[in-house]
Amino acid sequence: MAVIEKDGPAACIGPRGLVLRAVRLEDAEGLNALSNLPGSMSGTLRLPFKSLAMTRRQIESMPEDNIHLVALLDDRVVGTAGLQRFQRRRRHVANVGMAVHDEFTGRGIGTALLAALTDAADNWLQIRRLELTAYADNAPAIALYRKFGFEIEGTHRDYAFRNGRYVDALAMARLRATE
């Protein structure tokens, strides 16, 4: 079950010993390794061979109103997720991105990360709409997002070039009910 550090949600989800916390600069090597794994890359828009320096710059330049989490098992980076909040007239909206280590998929890490992000969006950031894009052939990710109330809003045809061919992606969103 996940332990959430500092003022986070109280829910315990995921494998025993899982720790979720804000990303720190010392996580750069683990995050860089995660981002260069074949499974992690194939589910995102990342390019191969991301440098450690680039990962460090991303951590250092994170806007204050974004959330970037890391999931750790035995001090090893096994997942990451974040909310990128939009500005001005779309301040009520955030984009979700996440990745789980290839060796740790299907163990509840994605569920724990998404639970933490949705809790922060709903109870701390006053975000009404969460958006994400998932490759149409990524059934496990789509099932996870549906579990958290995300709905398919449309299909982006030939959205990205992956593994030598163009692939479709689904636009998904979750709207929080207002009182």
C-alpha atoms as a PDB file:
ATOM      1  CA  MET A   1       0.000   0.000   0.000  1.00  0.00           C
ATOM      2  CA  ALA A   2       1.271   3.435  -0.915  1.00  0.00           C
ATOM      3  CA  VAL A   3       2.610   5.792   1.677  1.00  0.00           C
ATOM      4  CA  ILE A   4       2.019   9.362   0.607  1.00  0.00           C
ATOM      5  CA  GLU A   5       4.569  11.814   1.967  1.00  0.00           C
ATOM      6  CA  LYS A   6       3.566  15.251   3.291  1.00  0.00           C
ATOM      7  CA  ASP A   7       0.014  16.528   3.255  1.00  0.00           C
ATOM      8  CA  GLY A   8      -1.041  14.022   0.585  1.00  0.00           C
ATOM      9  CA  PRO A   9      -4.178  11.941   0.372  1.00  0.00           C
ATOM     10  CA  ALA A  10      -4.752   9.302   3.027  1.00  0.00           C
ATOM     11  CA  ALA A  11      -5.744   6.525   0.623  1.00  0.00           C
ATOM     12  CA  CYS A  12      -3.524   3.445   0.682  1.00  0.00           C
ATOM     13  CA  ILE A  13      -3.372   1.952  -2.798  1.00  0.00           C
ATOM     14  CA  GLY A  14      -0.771  -0.122  -4.620  1.00  0.00           C
ATOM     15  CA  PRO A  15       1.842  -2.617  -3.495  1.00  0.00           C
ATOM     16  CA  ARG A  16       3.148  -2.724   0.072  1.00  0.00           C
ATOM     17  CA  GLY A  17       6.117  -0.413   0.494  1.00  0.00           C
ATOM     18  CA  LEU A  18       5.146   1.914  -2.363  1.00  0.00           C
ATOM     19  CA  VAL A  19       6.018   5.539  -1.586  1.00  0.00           C
ATOM     20  CA  LEU A  20       4.588   8.456  -3.557  1.00  0.00           C
ATOM     21  CA  ARG A  21       6.122  11.890  -3.163  1.00  0.00           C
ATOM     22  CA  ALA A  22       7.060  15.022  -5.051  1.00  0.00           C
ATOM     23  CA  VAL A  23       9.938  14.609  -7.466  1.00  0.00           C
ATOM     24  CA  ARG A  24      13.344  15.719  -6.196  1.00  0.00           C
ATOM     25  CA  LEU A  25      16.452  16.522  -8.200  1.00  0.00           C
ATOM     26  CA  GLU A  26      18.124  13.379  -6.834  1.00  0.00           C
ATOM     27  CA  ASP A  27      15.418  11.341  -8.650  1.00  0.00           C
ATOM     28  CA  ALA A  28      16.803  12.445 -12.028  1.00  0.00           C
ATOM     29  CA  GLU A  29      18.781   9.261 -12.728  1.00  0.00           C
ATOM     30  CA  GLY A  30      15.872   6.974 -11.906  1.00  0.00           C
ATOM     31  CA  LEU A  31      13.419   9.077 -13.894  1.00  0.00           C
ATOM     32  CA  ASN A  32      15.814   9.189 -16.820  1.00  0.00           C
ATOM     33  CA  ALA A  33      16.190   5.405 -16.802  1.00  0.00           C
ATOM     34  CA  LEU A  34      12.398   5.015 -16.622  1.00  0.00           C
ATOM     35  CA  SER A  35      11.828   7.396 -19.522  1.00  0.00           C
ATOM     36  CA  ASN A  36      14.248   5.443 -21.732  1.00  0.00           C
ATOM     37  CA  LEU A  37      12.595   2.028 -21.211  1.00  0.00           C
ATOM     38  CA  PRO A  38      10.903   0.577 -24.330  1.00  0.00           C
ATOM     39  CA  GLY A  39       7.470   0.168 -22.720  1.00  0.00           C
ATOM     40  CA  SER A  40       7.554   3.567 -21.094  1.00  0.00           C
ATOM     41  CA  MET A  41       8.547   5.251 -24.352  1.00  0.00           C
ATOM     42  CA  SER A  42       5.958   3.419 -26.446  1.00  0.00           C
ATOM     43  CA  GLY A  43       3.133   4.757 -24.270  1.00  0.00           C
ATOM     44  CA  THR A  44       4.269   8.379 -24.479  1.00  0.00           C
ATOM     45  CA  LEU A  45       5.475  10.932 -27.011  1.00  0.00           C
ATOM     46  CA  ARG A  46       9.046  10.744 -25.689  1.00  0.00           C
ATOM     47  CA  LEU A  47      11.907  10.175 -28.058  1.00  0.00           C
ATOM     48  CA  PRO A  48      14.584   7.565 -27.361  1.00  0.00           C
ATOM     49  CA  PHE A  49      17.947   8.419 -25.814  1.00  0.00           C
ATOM     50  CA  LYS A  50      16.759  11.174 -23.483  1.00  0.00           C
ATOM     51  CA  SER A  51      19.778  12.601 -21.699  1.00  0.00           C
ATOM     52  CA  LEU A  52      20.211  12.849 -17.949  1.00  0.00           C
ATOM     53  CA  ALA A  53      20.900  16.581 -18.356  1.00  0.00           C
ATOM     54  CA  MET A  54      17.511  17.019 -20.061  1.00  0.00           C
ATOM     55  CA  THR A  55      15.762  15.176 -17.224  1.00  0.00           C
ATOM     56  CA  ARG A  56      17.487  17.392 -14.651  1.00  0.00           C
ATOM     57  CA  ARG A  57      16.468  20.552 -16.538  1.00  0.00           C
ATOM     58  CA  GLN A  58      12.841  19.382 -16.630  1.00  0.00           C
ATOM     59  CA  ILE A  59      12.828  18.828 -12.868  1.00  0.00           C
ATOM     60  CA  GLU A  60      14.458  22.196 -12.174  1.00  0.00           C
ATOM     61  CA  SER A  61      12.129  24.160 -14.459  1.00  0.00           C
ATOM     62  CA  MET A  62       8.819  22.712 -13.263  1.00  0.00           C
ATOM     63  CA  PRO A  63       6.200  25.456 -12.787  1.00  0.00           C
ATOM     64  CA  GLU A  64       5.014  25.852  -9.191  1.00  0.00           C
ATOM     65  CA  ASP A  65       1.364  25.085  -9.906  1.00  0.00           C
ATOM     66  CA  ASN A  66       2.156  21.765 -11.572  1.00  0.00           C
ATOM     67  CA  ILE A  67       2.470  18.503  -9.674  1.00  0.00           C
ATOM     68  CA  HIS A  68       5.164  15.957 -10.485  1.00  0.00           C
ATOM     69  CA  LEU A  69       5.132  12.744  -8.466  1.00  0.00           C
ATOM     70  CA  VAL A  70       7.511   9.839  -8.265  1.00  0.00           C
ATOM     71  CA  ALA A  71       6.610   6.305  -7.140  1.00  0.00           C
ATOM     72  CA  LEU A  72       9.329   4.418  -5.258  1.00  0.00           C
ATOM     73  CA  LEU A  73       9.680   0.803  -4.196  1.00  0.00           C
ATOM     74  CA  ASP A  74      12.760   0.119  -2.077  1.00  0.00           C
ATOM     75  CA  ASP A  75      14.087   3.543  -3.115  1.00  0.00           C
ATOM     76  CA  ARG A  76      13.861   2.563  -6.810  1.00  0.00           C
ATOM     77  CA  VAL A  77      11.882   4.789  -9.208  1.00  0.00           C
ATOM     78  CA  VAL A  78       9.049   2.600 -10.513  1.00  0.00           C
ATOM     79  CA  GLY A  79       6.665   5.261 -11.770  1.00  0.00           C
ATOM     80  CA  THR A  80       6.004   8.914 -12.306  1.00  0.00           C
ATOM     81  CA  ALA A  81       2.963  11.058 -12.939  1.00  0.00           C
ATOM     82  CA  GLY A  82       2.144  14.692 -13.218  1.00  0.00           C
ATOM     83  CA  LEU A  83      -0.480  17.361 -13.629  1.00  0.00           C
ATOM     84  CA  GLN A  84       0.265  20.260 -15.922  1.00  0.00           C
ATOM     85  CA  ARG A  85      -2.183  23.024 -15.154  1.00  0.00           C
ATOM     86  CA  PHE A  86      -3.275  25.342 -17.935  1.00  0.00           C
ATOM     87  CA  GLN A  87      -3.465  29.118 -17.491  1.00  0.00           C
ATOM     88  CA  ARG A  88      -5.896  31.966 -17.934  1.00  0.00           C
ATOM     89  CA  ARG A  89      -9.337  30.914 -19.193  1.00  0.00           C
ATOM     90  CA  ARG A  90      -8.350  27.238 -18.971  1.00  0.00           C
ATOM     91  CA  ARG A  91      -7.058  27.442 -15.395  1.00  0.00           C
ATOM     92  CA  HIS A  92      -9.738  24.944 -14.389  1.00  0.00           C
ATOM     93  CA  VAL A  93      -8.064  22.317 -16.628  1.00  0.00           C
ATOM     94  CA  ALA A  94      -4.957  20.169 -16.209  1.00  0.00           C
ATOM     95  CA  ASN A  95      -3.269  17.645 -18.451  1.00  0.00           C
ATOM     96  CA  VAL A  96      -2.300  14.274 -16.955  1.00  0.00           C
ATOM     97  CA  GLY A  97       0.812  12.330 -17.902  1.00  0.00           C
ATOM     98  CA  MET A  98       2.219   9.191 -16.353  1.00  0.00           C
ATOM     99  CA  ALA A  99       4.542   6.243 -16.839  1.00  0.00           C
ATOM    100  CA  VAL A 100       5.213   3.029 -14.942  1.00  0.00           C
ATOM    101  CA  HIS A 101       8.471   1.074 -15.096  1.00  0.00           C
ATOM    102  CA  ASP A 102       8.281  -1.809 -17.605  1.00  0.00           C
ATOM    103  CA  GLU A 103       9.029  -4.386 -14.876  1.00  0.00           C
ATOM    104  CA  PHE A 104       6.297  -3.084 -12.542  1.00  0.00           C
ATOM    105  CA  THR A 105       3.192  -2.718 -14.718  1.00  0.00           C
ATOM    106  CA  GLY A 106      -0.017  -4.322 -13.502  1.00  0.00           C
ATOM    107  CA  ARG A 107       0.883  -4.015  -9.803  1.00  0.00           C
ATOM    108  CA  GLY A 108      -1.277  -1.032  -8.859  1.00  0.00           C
ATOM    109  CA  ILE A 109       1.401   1.647  -9.225  1.00  0.00           C
ATOM    110  CA  GLY A 110      -0.506   3.492 -11.949  1.00  0.00           C
ATOM    111  CA  THR A 111      -3.659   3.276  -9.831  1.00  0.00           C
ATOM    112  CA  ALA A 112      -1.857   4.780  -6.833  1.00  0.00           C
ATOM    113  CA  LEU A 113      -0.365   7.581  -8.924  1.00  0.00           C
ATOM    114  CA  LEU A 114      -3.669   8.437 -10.605  1.00  0.00           C
ATOM    115  CA  ALA A 115      -5.500   8.348  -7.252  1.00  0.00           C
ATOM    116  CA  ALA A 116      -3.011  10.868  -5.844  1.00  0.00           C
ATOM    117  CA  LEU A 117      -3.342  13.151  -8.875  1.00  0.00           C
ATOM    118  CA  THR A 118      -7.149  13.092  -8.944  1.00  0.00           C
ATOM    119  CA  ASP A 119      -7.258  13.772  -5.201  1.00  0.00           C
ATOM    120  CA  ALA A 120      -4.968  16.775  -5.617  1.00  0.00           C
ATOM    121  CA  ALA A 121      -6.991  18.045  -8.590  1.00  0.00           C
ATOM    122  CA  ASP A 122     -10.331  17.659  -6.809  1.00  0.00           C
ATOM    123  CA  ASN A 123      -9.478  18.642  -3.247  1.00  0.00           C
ATOM    124  CA  TRP A 124      -6.512  21.000  -3.448  1.00  0.00           C
ATOM    125  CA  LEU A 125      -6.303  22.655  -6.863  1.00  0.00           C
ATOM    126  CA  GLN A 126      -9.965  23.228  -7.765  1.00  0.00           C
ATOM    127  CA  ILE A 127      -9.444  21.609 -11.160  1.00  0.00           C
ATOM    128  CA  ARG A 128     -12.715  20.780 -12.887  1.00  0.00           C
ATOM    129  CA  ARG A 129     -11.411  19.038 -16.013  1.00  0.00           C
ATOM    130  CA  LEU A 130      -8.546  16.555 -16.337  1.00  0.00           C
ATOM    131  CA  GLU A 131      -7.398  15.734 -19.863  1.00  0.00           C
ATOM    132  CA  LEU A 132      -5.069  13.139 -21.304  1.00  0.00           C
ATOM    133  CA  THR A 133      -4.221  11.366 -24.514  1.00  0.00           C
ATOM    134  CA  ALA A 134      -3.798   7.597 -24.681  1.00  0.00           C
ATOM    135  CA  TYR A 135      -2.737   5.511 -27.626  1.00  0.00           C
ATOM    136  CA  ALA A 136      -5.794   3.670 -28.956  1.00  0.00           C
ATOM    137  CA  ASP A 137      -3.999   0.307 -28.659  1.00  0.00           C
ATOM    138  CA  ASN A 138      -3.007   0.795 -24.998  1.00  0.00           C
ATOM    139  CA  ALA A 139      -5.887  -1.165 -23.448  1.00  0.00           C
ATOM    140  CA  PRO A 140      -4.428  -1.335 -19.891  1.00  0.00           C
ATOM    141  CA  ALA A 141      -3.988   2.452 -19.723  1.00  0.00           C
ATOM    142  CA  ILE A 142      -7.455   3.096 -21.144  1.00  0.00           C
ATOM    143  CA  ALA A 143      -8.979   0.723 -18.574  1.00  0.00           C
ATOM    144  CA  LEU A 144      -7.124   2.527 -15.759  1.00  0.00           C
ATOM    145  CA  TYR A 145      -8.315   5.935 -16.922  1.00  0.00           C
ATOM    146  CA  ARG A 146     -11.918   4.707 -17.255  1.00  0.00           C
ATOM    147  CA  LYS A 147     -11.721   3.391 -13.666  1.00  0.00           C
ATOM    148  CA  PHE A 148     -11.118   6.991 -12.576  1.00  0.00           C
ATOM    149  CA  GLY A 149     -14.006   8.404 -14.597  1.00  0.00           C
ATOM    150  CA  PHE A 150     -12.203   9.432 -17.773  1.00  0.00           C
ATOM    151  CA  GLU A 151     -14.318   9.194 -20.906  1.00  0.00           C
ATOM    152  CA  ILE A 152     -13.282   9.034 -24.544  1.00  0.00           C
ATOM    153  CA  GLU A 153     -14.090  12.311 -26.262  1.00  0.00           C
ATOM    154  CA  GLY A 154     -12.640  11.543 -29.666  1.00  0.00           C
ATOM    155  CA  THR A 155      -9.972   9.888 -31.773  1.00  0.00           C
ATOM    156  CA  HIS A 156      -6.870  11.603 -33.120  1.00  0.00           C
ATOM    157  CA  ARG A 157      -6.127   9.697 -36.308  1.00  0.00           C
ATOM    158  CA  ASP A 158      -2.436   9.169 -37.147  1.00  0.00           C
ATOM    159  CA  TYR A 159      -1.648  11.064 -33.959  1.00  0.00           C
ATOM    160  CA  ALA A 160       1.992  10.029 -33.592  1.00  0.00           C
ATOM    161  CA  PHE A 161       4.742   8.086 -35.315  1.00  0.00           C
ATOM    162  CA  ARG A 162       5.665   5.106 -33.116  1.00  0.00           C
ATOM    163  CA  ASN A 163       7.657   1.981 -33.919  1.00  0.00           C
ATOM    164  CA  GLY A 164       7.816   2.783 -37.621  1.00  0.00           C
ATOM    165  CA  ARG A 165       4.135   3.575 -38.210  1.00  0.00           C
ATOM    166  CA  TYR A 166       1.443   6.120 -37.469  1.00  0.00           C
ATOM    167  CA  VAL A 167      -0.881   5.306 -34.580  1.00  0.00           C
ATOM    168  CA  ASP A 168      -4.176   6.709 -33.378  1.00  0.00           C
ATOM    169  CA  ALA A 169      -4.727   8.193 -29.951  1.00  0.00           C
ATOM    170  CA  LEU A 170      -7.819   8.787 -27.871  1.00  0.00           C
ATOM    171  CA  ALA A 171      -8.653  12.143 -26.329  1.00  0.00           C
ATOM    172  CA  MET A 172      -9.947  11.380 -22.846  1.00  0.00           C
ATOM    173  CA  ALA A 173     -11.212  13.665 -20.104  1.00  0.00           C
ATOM    174  CA  ARG A 174     -12.732  13.542 -16.646  1.00  0.00           C
ATOM    175  CA  LEU A 175     -15.097  16.268 -15.458  1.00  0.00           C
ATOM    176  CA  ARG A 176     -15.581  16.749 -11.740  1.00  0.00           C
ATOM    177  CA  ALA A 177     -19.172  17.409 -10.810  1.00  0.00           C
ATOM    178  CA  THR A 178     -19.850  20.796  -9.290  1.00  0.00           C
ATOM    179  CA  GLU A 179     -22.033  21.237  -6.259  1.00  0.00           C
END
